[in-house]
């Protein structure tokens, strides 16, 4: 079912491509506009980035195009669909955060949330694991 295909694509081995260069490259491949049609989150700790499409596109086909693109190959980057999950980790949380606050925050439609089934706080790490009732709530 195409509704179950992730709207996000993971790019790995991005160390040879600056964030601005990556955005332009993705615009060239997709024909879409960064920020308006998709967002890019850079994860420098693991030399990766995640592009999440706001505009509905065939992300499977986009991954194929990326893997065949000359510049992507030249930069030795890889692309794959981000697997759908029911659980996310929230980091850098304030010391005073509560499970109730996180539940309400992640259930808010305004934040793109969905029904939360569990919140586990890890105060020593200033993080929490949020589990949704289904994978659609973690967008």
N, C-alpha and C. Protein backbone atom coordinates (compact mmCIF):
# COMPACT_ATOMS: atom_id res chain seq x y z
N UNK A 1 0.85 -1.19 0.00
CA UNK A 1 0.00 0.00 0.00
C UNK A 1 0.89 1.24 0.00
N UNK A 2 0.71 2.12 -0.97
CA UNK A 2 1.57 3.29 -1.10
C UNK A 2 1.43 4.24 0.08
N UNK A 3 0.32 4.18 0.82
CA UNK A 3 0.15 5.03 1.98
C UNK A 3 1.14 4.66 3.08
N UNK A 4 1.72 3.47 3.00
CA UNK A 4 2.65 3.03 4.01
C UNK A 4 4.11 3.27 3.63
N UNK A 5 4.35 3.91 2.50
CA UNK A 5 5.72 4.22 2.10
C UNK A 5 6.16 5.49 2.81
N UNK A 6 7.34 5.45 3.37
CA UNK A 6 7.86 6.57 4.13
C UNK A 6 8.01 7.82 3.27
N UNK A 7 7.66 9.00 3.84
CA UNK A 7 7.88 10.26 3.12
C UNK A 7 9.32 10.76 3.30
N UNK A 8 10.15 9.97 4.00
CA UNK A 8 11.51 10.40 4.32
C UNK A 8 12.55 9.49 3.69
N UNK A 9 13.64 10.13 3.25
CA UNK A 9 14.75 9.42 2.62
C UNK A 9 16.02 9.74 3.39
N UNK A 10 16.79 8.70 3.72
CA UNK A 10 18.05 8.86 4.44
C UNK A 10 19.19 8.90 3.42
N UNK A 11 20.06 9.88 3.58
CA UNK A 11 21.28 9.97 2.78
C UNK A 11 22.46 9.75 3.71
N UNK A 12 23.32 8.80 3.35
CA UNK A 12 24.48 8.51 4.18
C UNK A 12 25.75 8.84 3.41
N UNK A 13 26.85 8.95 4.16
CA UNK A 13 28.15 9.32 3.58
C UNK A 13 28.10 10.71 2.95
N UNK A 14 27.52 11.67 3.66
CA UNK A 14 27.35 13.01 3.08
C UNK A 14 28.52 13.94 3.39
N UNK A 15 29.60 13.44 3.98
CA UNK A 15 30.69 14.32 4.41
C UNK A 15 31.32 15.12 3.27
N UNK A 16 31.21 14.67 2.05
CA UNK A 16 31.80 15.38 0.92
C UNK A 16 30.83 16.39 0.29
N UNK A 17 29.67 16.58 0.92
CA UNK A 17 28.63 17.44 0.36
C UNK A 17 28.12 18.37 1.47
N UNK A 18 28.28 19.68 1.29
CA UNK A 18 27.81 20.64 2.31
C UNK A 18 26.28 20.59 2.37
N UNK A 19 25.69 21.06 3.49
CA UNK A 19 24.22 21.08 3.59
C UNK A 19 23.55 21.85 2.43
N UNK A 20 24.12 23.00 2.04
CA UNK A 20 23.54 23.77 0.93
C UNK A 20 23.66 23.01 -0.38
N UNK A 21 24.81 22.37 -0.58
CA UNK A 21 25.01 21.58 -1.80
C UNK A 21 24.01 20.42 -1.84
N UNK A 22 23.80 19.76 -0.70
CA UNK A 22 22.85 18.64 -0.64
C UNK A 22 21.44 19.12 -0.99
N UNK A 23 21.02 20.24 -0.42
CA UNK A 23 19.67 20.77 -0.73
C UNK A 23 19.52 21.03 -2.23
N UNK A 24 20.54 21.68 -2.82
CA UNK A 24 20.48 21.96 -4.27
C UNK A 24 20.45 20.68 -5.09
N UNK A 25 21.26 19.71 -4.68
CA UNK A 25 21.29 18.42 -5.38
C UNK A 25 19.92 17.75 -5.33
N UNK A 26 19.29 17.76 -4.16
CA UNK A 26 17.97 17.15 -4.02
C UNK A 26 16.91 17.91 -4.82
N UNK A 27 17.05 19.23 -4.87
CA UNK A 27 16.14 20.02 -5.71
C UNK A 27 16.31 19.63 -7.18
N UNK A 28 17.56 19.50 -7.63
CA UNK A 28 17.83 19.12 -9.02
C UNK A 28 17.24 17.75 -9.36
N UNK A 29 17.41 16.79 -8.44
CA UNK A 29 16.93 15.43 -8.70
C UNK A 29 15.41 15.34 -8.65
N UNK A 30 14.80 16.02 -7.65
CA UNK A 30 13.35 15.90 -7.44
C UNK A 30 12.53 16.88 -8.26
N UNK A 31 13.14 18.02 -8.64
CA UNK A 31 12.37 19.07 -9.31
C UNK A 31 11.52 19.86 -8.33
N UNK A 32 11.76 19.66 -7.04
CA UNK A 32 11.00 20.33 -5.98
C UNK A 32 11.87 21.39 -5.30
N UNK A 33 11.26 22.16 -4.40
CA UNK A 33 11.95 23.23 -3.71
C UNK A 33 12.16 22.90 -2.24
N UNK A 34 13.42 23.04 -1.79
CA UNK A 34 13.73 22.82 -0.37
C UNK A 34 12.92 23.79 0.47
N UNK A 35 12.54 23.36 1.64
CA UNK A 35 11.73 24.10 2.62
C UNK A 35 10.26 24.17 2.24
N UNK A 36 9.93 24.45 0.98
CA UNK A 36 8.53 24.49 0.57
C UNK A 36 7.98 23.09 0.32
N UNK A 37 8.75 22.24 -0.36
CA UNK A 37 8.28 20.91 -0.74
C UNK A 37 8.92 19.77 0.07
N UNK A 38 10.09 20.05 0.65
CA UNK A 38 10.75 19.05 1.49
C UNK A 38 11.69 19.75 2.47
N UNK A 39 11.98 19.05 3.56
CA UNK A 39 12.92 19.57 4.54
C UNK A 39 14.13 18.64 4.58
N UNK A 40 15.26 19.16 5.01
CA UNK A 40 16.47 18.36 5.14
C UNK A 40 17.02 18.56 6.54
N UNK A 41 17.18 17.46 7.26
CA UNK A 41 17.80 17.51 8.58
C UNK A 41 19.16 16.83 8.47
N UNK A 42 20.20 17.58 8.81
CA UNK A 42 21.57 17.07 8.77
C UNK A 42 21.89 16.44 10.12
N UNK A 43 22.48 15.25 10.10
CA UNK A 43 22.90 14.56 11.33
C UNK A 43 24.41 14.37 11.23
N UNK A 44 25.17 15.41 11.62
CA UNK A 44 26.63 15.39 11.41
C UNK A 44 27.35 14.25 12.15
N UNK A 45 26.81 13.83 13.29
CA UNK A 45 27.47 12.78 14.08
C UNK A 45 27.64 11.48 13.30
N UNK A 46 26.76 11.24 12.35
CA UNK A 46 26.84 9.99 11.58
C UNK A 46 26.95 10.25 10.07
N UNK A 47 27.34 11.48 9.71
CA UNK A 47 27.49 11.86 8.29
C UNK A 47 26.26 11.46 7.47
N UNK A 48 25.11 11.85 7.99
CA UNK A 48 23.86 11.49 7.31
C UNK A 48 22.92 12.70 7.28
N UNK A 49 21.88 12.57 6.48
CA UNK A 49 20.83 13.57 6.40
C UNK A 49 19.52 12.86 6.10
N UNK A 50 18.42 13.48 6.52
CA UNK A 50 17.10 12.94 6.23
C UNK A 50 16.30 14.01 5.50
N UNK A 51 15.85 13.67 4.31
CA UNK A 51 14.96 14.55 3.55
C UNK A 51 13.54 14.03 3.75
N UNK A 52 12.67 14.92 4.22
CA UNK A 52 11.27 14.55 4.43
C UNK A 52 10.41 15.37 3.48
N UNK A 53 9.64 14.68 2.68
CA UNK A 53 8.84 15.34 1.65
C UNK A 53 7.49 15.76 2.20
N UNK A 54 7.24 17.06 2.11
CA UNK A 54 5.96 17.65 2.51
C UNK A 54 4.98 17.42 1.36
N UNK A 55 5.48 17.65 0.16
CA UNK A 55 4.69 17.40 -1.06
C UNK A 55 4.71 15.90 -1.32
N UNK A 56 3.59 15.35 -1.67
CA UNK A 56 3.50 13.92 -1.90
C UNK A 56 4.22 13.52 -3.17
N UNK A 57 5.25 12.66 -3.03
CA UNK A 57 5.96 12.14 -4.20
C UNK A 57 6.17 10.64 -4.00
N UNK A 58 6.57 9.98 -5.07
CA UNK A 58 6.91 8.56 -4.99
C UNK A 58 8.35 8.47 -4.48
N UNK A 59 8.52 8.30 -3.18
CA UNK A 59 9.85 8.31 -2.59
C UNK A 59 10.69 7.11 -3.05
N UNK A 60 10.02 5.98 -3.36
CA UNK A 60 10.77 4.82 -3.88
C UNK A 60 11.44 5.20 -5.20
N UNK A 61 10.69 5.85 -6.06
CA UNK A 61 11.21 6.28 -7.37
C UNK A 61 12.30 7.34 -7.18
N UNK A 62 12.11 8.23 -6.21
CA UNK A 62 13.11 9.27 -5.92
C UNK A 62 14.43 8.63 -5.48
N UNK A 63 14.37 7.61 -4.62
CA UNK A 63 15.57 6.91 -4.17
C UNK A 63 16.29 6.30 -5.38
N UNK A 64 15.52 5.68 -6.29
CA UNK A 64 16.12 5.10 -7.51
C UNK A 64 16.86 6.16 -8.31
N UNK A 65 16.19 7.32 -8.51
CA UNK A 65 16.80 8.41 -9.26
C UNK A 65 18.10 8.87 -8.59
N UNK A 66 18.07 8.97 -7.26
CA UNK A 66 19.25 9.42 -6.51
C UNK A 66 20.41 8.46 -6.72
N UNK A 67 20.12 7.17 -6.60
CA UNK A 67 21.17 6.16 -6.71
C UNK A 67 21.77 6.10 -8.11
N UNK A 68 20.99 6.55 -9.11
CA UNK A 68 21.48 6.55 -10.49
C UNK A 68 22.13 7.87 -10.87
N UNK A 69 21.96 8.90 -10.03
CA UNK A 69 22.44 10.24 -10.36
C UNK A 69 23.97 10.31 -10.30
N UNK A 70 24.56 10.86 -11.35
CA UNK A 70 26.02 10.91 -11.48
C UNK A 70 26.69 11.59 -10.29
N UNK A 71 26.16 12.72 -9.83
CA UNK A 71 26.78 13.47 -8.73
C UNK A 71 26.69 12.69 -7.43
N UNK A 72 25.57 12.04 -7.17
CA UNK A 72 25.41 11.24 -5.95
C UNK A 72 26.44 10.11 -5.94
N UNK A 73 26.61 9.49 -7.09
CA UNK A 73 27.60 8.39 -7.18
C UNK A 73 29.02 8.92 -7.02
N UNK A 74 29.28 10.07 -7.64
CA UNK A 74 30.60 10.68 -7.55
C UNK A 74 30.96 11.01 -6.09
N UNK A 75 29.98 11.47 -5.34
CA UNK A 75 30.17 11.82 -3.93
C UNK A 75 30.13 10.59 -3.01
N UNK A 76 29.87 9.42 -3.60
CA UNK A 76 29.80 8.14 -2.87
C UNK A 76 28.74 8.16 -1.75
N UNK A 77 27.64 8.88 -2.01
CA UNK A 77 26.53 8.91 -1.06
C UNK A 77 25.59 7.74 -1.34
N UNK A 78 24.86 7.34 -0.30
CA UNK A 78 23.83 6.33 -0.48
C UNK A 78 22.49 6.95 -0.11
N UNK A 79 21.41 6.38 -0.62
CA UNK A 79 20.06 6.84 -0.33
C UNK A 79 19.17 5.63 -0.10
N UNK A 80 18.30 5.73 0.89
CA UNK A 80 17.34 4.66 1.16
C UNK A 80 16.13 5.27 1.86
N UNK A 81 15.00 4.58 1.77
CA UNK A 81 13.81 5.03 2.49
C UNK A 81 14.05 4.92 3.98
N UNK A 82 13.59 5.91 4.72
CA UNK A 82 13.64 5.83 6.18
C UNK A 82 12.51 4.90 6.61
N UNK A 83 12.86 3.87 7.37
CA UNK A 83 11.84 2.91 7.77
C UNK A 83 10.83 3.58 8.70
N UNK A 84 9.58 3.16 8.55
CA UNK A 84 8.51 3.68 9.39
C UNK A 84 8.63 3.05 10.78
N UNK A 85 8.37 3.85 11.80
CA UNK A 85 8.49 3.37 13.16
C UNK A 85 7.38 3.95 14.02
N UNK A 86 7.10 3.27 15.09
CA UNK A 86 6.10 3.78 16.04
C UNK A 86 6.78 4.51 17.19
N UNK A 87 8.10 4.47 17.25
CA UNK A 87 8.84 5.01 18.39
C UNK A 87 9.86 6.03 17.93
N UNK A 88 9.94 7.15 18.66
CA UNK A 88 10.95 8.16 18.40
C UNK A 88 11.66 8.51 19.70
N UNK A 89 12.85 9.10 19.56
CA UNK A 89 13.58 9.59 20.73
C UNK A 89 13.63 11.10 20.64
N UNK A 90 13.21 11.77 21.73
CA UNK A 90 13.30 13.22 21.82
C UNK A 90 14.49 13.54 22.72
N UNK A 91 15.36 14.44 22.25
CA UNK A 91 16.58 14.75 22.99
C UNK A 91 16.63 16.22 23.38
N UNK A 92 17.59 16.54 24.25
CA UNK A 92 17.81 17.92 24.70
C UNK A 92 16.56 18.52 25.34
N UNK A 93 15.87 17.71 26.12
CA UNK A 93 14.65 18.17 26.79
C UNK A 93 15.01 18.95 28.05
N UNK A 94 14.18 19.93 28.43
CA UNK A 94 14.43 20.66 29.67
C UNK A 94 14.28 19.73 30.88
N UNK A 95 14.99 20.04 31.96
CA UNK A 95 14.95 19.22 33.18
C UNK A 95 13.53 19.07 33.73
N UNK A 96 12.70 20.09 33.57
CA UNK A 96 11.38 20.10 34.19
C UNK A 96 10.29 19.42 33.36
N UNK A 97 10.64 18.80 32.25
CA UNK A 97 9.64 18.21 31.34
C UNK A 97 8.92 17.04 32.01
N UNK A 98 7.64 16.90 31.73
CA UNK A 98 6.86 15.79 32.31
C UNK A 98 6.35 14.88 31.20
N UNK A 99 6.00 13.66 31.59
CA UNK A 99 5.44 12.72 30.61
C UNK A 99 4.10 13.25 30.08
N UNK A 100 3.32 13.90 30.93
CA UNK A 100 2.04 14.46 30.48
C UNK A 100 2.25 15.53 29.41
N UNK A 101 3.23 16.42 29.64
CA UNK A 101 3.51 17.47 28.67
C UNK A 101 3.92 16.85 27.32
N UNK A 102 4.83 15.87 27.37
CA UNK A 102 5.29 15.23 26.14
C UNK A 102 4.15 14.52 25.42
N UNK A 103 3.28 13.87 26.18
CA UNK A 103 2.14 13.17 25.59
C UNK A 103 1.25 14.16 24.84
N UNK A 104 0.89 15.25 25.51
CA UNK A 104 0.01 16.25 24.89
C UNK A 104 0.71 16.89 23.68
N UNK A 105 2.00 17.19 23.82
CA UNK A 105 2.75 17.81 22.72
C UNK A 105 2.76 16.91 21.48
N UNK A 106 3.09 15.64 21.68
CA UNK A 106 3.20 14.74 20.52
C UNK A 106 1.84 14.25 20.01
N UNK A 107 0.78 14.47 20.76
CA UNK A 107 -0.56 14.15 20.25
C UNK A 107 -1.17 15.33 19.50
N UNK A 108 -0.54 16.49 19.57
CA UNK A 108 -1.07 17.68 18.93
C UNK A 108 -1.01 17.56 17.40
N UNK A 109 -2.15 17.77 16.76
CA UNK A 109 -2.20 17.75 15.29
C UNK A 109 -1.32 18.88 14.74
N UNK A 110 -1.23 19.98 15.46
CA UNK A 110 -0.42 21.12 15.05
C UNK A 110 1.05 20.71 14.88
N UNK A 111 1.51 19.78 15.73
CA UNK A 111 2.89 19.30 15.67
C UNK A 111 3.03 18.06 14.78
N UNK A 112 1.96 17.69 14.07
CA UNK A 112 2.02 16.53 13.19
C UNK A 112 1.94 15.22 13.95
N UNK A 113 1.47 15.28 15.18
CA UNK A 113 1.47 14.11 16.05
C UNK A 113 0.30 13.18 15.84
N UNK A 114 0.26 12.20 16.71
CA UNK A 114 -0.81 11.22 16.69
C UNK A 114 -0.96 10.65 18.09
N UNK A 115 -1.83 9.70 18.24
CA UNK A 115 -2.13 9.12 19.53
C UNK A 115 -0.89 8.45 20.13
N UNK A 116 -0.52 8.88 21.35
CA UNK A 116 0.67 8.36 22.04
C UNK A 116 0.26 7.23 22.98
N UNK A 117 0.96 6.10 22.91
CA UNK A 117 0.65 4.98 23.79
C UNK A 117 1.57 4.91 25.01
N UNK A 118 2.80 5.50 24.91
CA UNK A 118 3.73 5.43 26.04
C UNK A 118 4.80 6.51 25.92
N UNK A 119 5.22 7.03 27.07
CA UNK A 119 6.34 7.97 27.14
C UNK A 119 7.26 7.50 28.26
N UNK A 120 8.53 7.28 27.93
CA UNK A 120 9.53 6.92 28.94
C UNK A 120 10.53 8.06 29.04
N UNK A 121 10.64 8.65 30.22
CA UNK A 121 11.58 9.75 30.43
C UNK A 121 12.92 9.21 30.90
N UNK A 122 14.00 9.82 30.42
CA UNK A 122 15.36 9.50 30.86
C UNK A 122 16.00 10.81 31.30
N UNK A 123 15.69 11.26 32.54
CA UNK A 123 16.15 12.58 33.00
C UNK A 123 17.67 12.73 32.97
N UNK A 124 18.40 11.65 33.25
CA UNK A 124 19.87 11.74 33.26
C UNK A 124 20.43 12.05 31.87
N UNK A 125 19.67 11.74 30.82
CA UNK A 125 20.10 12.02 29.43
C UNK A 125 19.32 13.20 28.83
N UNK A 126 18.38 13.77 29.60
CA UNK A 126 17.49 14.81 29.08
C UNK A 126 16.82 14.35 27.79
N UNK A 127 16.32 13.10 27.81
CA UNK A 127 15.68 12.54 26.63
C UNK A 127 14.45 11.74 27.03
N UNK A 128 13.70 11.33 26.04
CA UNK A 128 12.51 10.50 26.26
C UNK A 128 12.28 9.65 25.02
N UNK A 129 11.68 8.50 25.24
CA UNK A 129 11.25 7.64 24.14
C UNK A 129 9.73 7.75 24.09
N UNK A 130 9.22 8.15 22.93
CA UNK A 130 7.77 8.31 22.75
C UNK A 130 7.30 7.22 21.79
N UNK A 131 6.30 6.46 22.23
CA UNK A 131 5.74 5.40 21.39
C UNK A 131 4.33 5.79 20.99
N UNK A 132 4.08 5.74 19.69
CA UNK A 132 2.76 6.09 19.15
C UNK A 132 1.93 4.82 18.97
N UNK A 133 0.61 5.02 18.90
CA UNK A 133 -0.28 3.87 18.68
C UNK A 133 -0.07 3.26 17.30
N UNK A 134 0.30 4.10 16.31
CA UNK A 134 0.69 3.59 15.00
C UNK A 134 1.77 4.49 14.43
N UNK A 135 2.44 4.06 13.36
CA UNK A 135 3.58 4.78 12.82
C UNK A 135 3.24 6.15 12.24
N UNK A 136 1.97 6.40 11.91
CA UNK A 136 1.61 7.67 11.26
C UNK A 136 1.75 8.85 12.20
N UNK A 137 1.75 8.61 13.50
CA UNK A 137 1.83 9.71 14.47
C UNK A 137 3.21 10.29 14.63
N UNK A 138 4.24 9.69 14.09
CA UNK A 138 5.59 10.17 14.36
C UNK A 138 6.15 11.05 13.26
N UNK A 139 5.31 11.49 12.35
CA UNK A 139 5.79 12.37 11.28
C UNK A 139 6.08 13.71 11.87
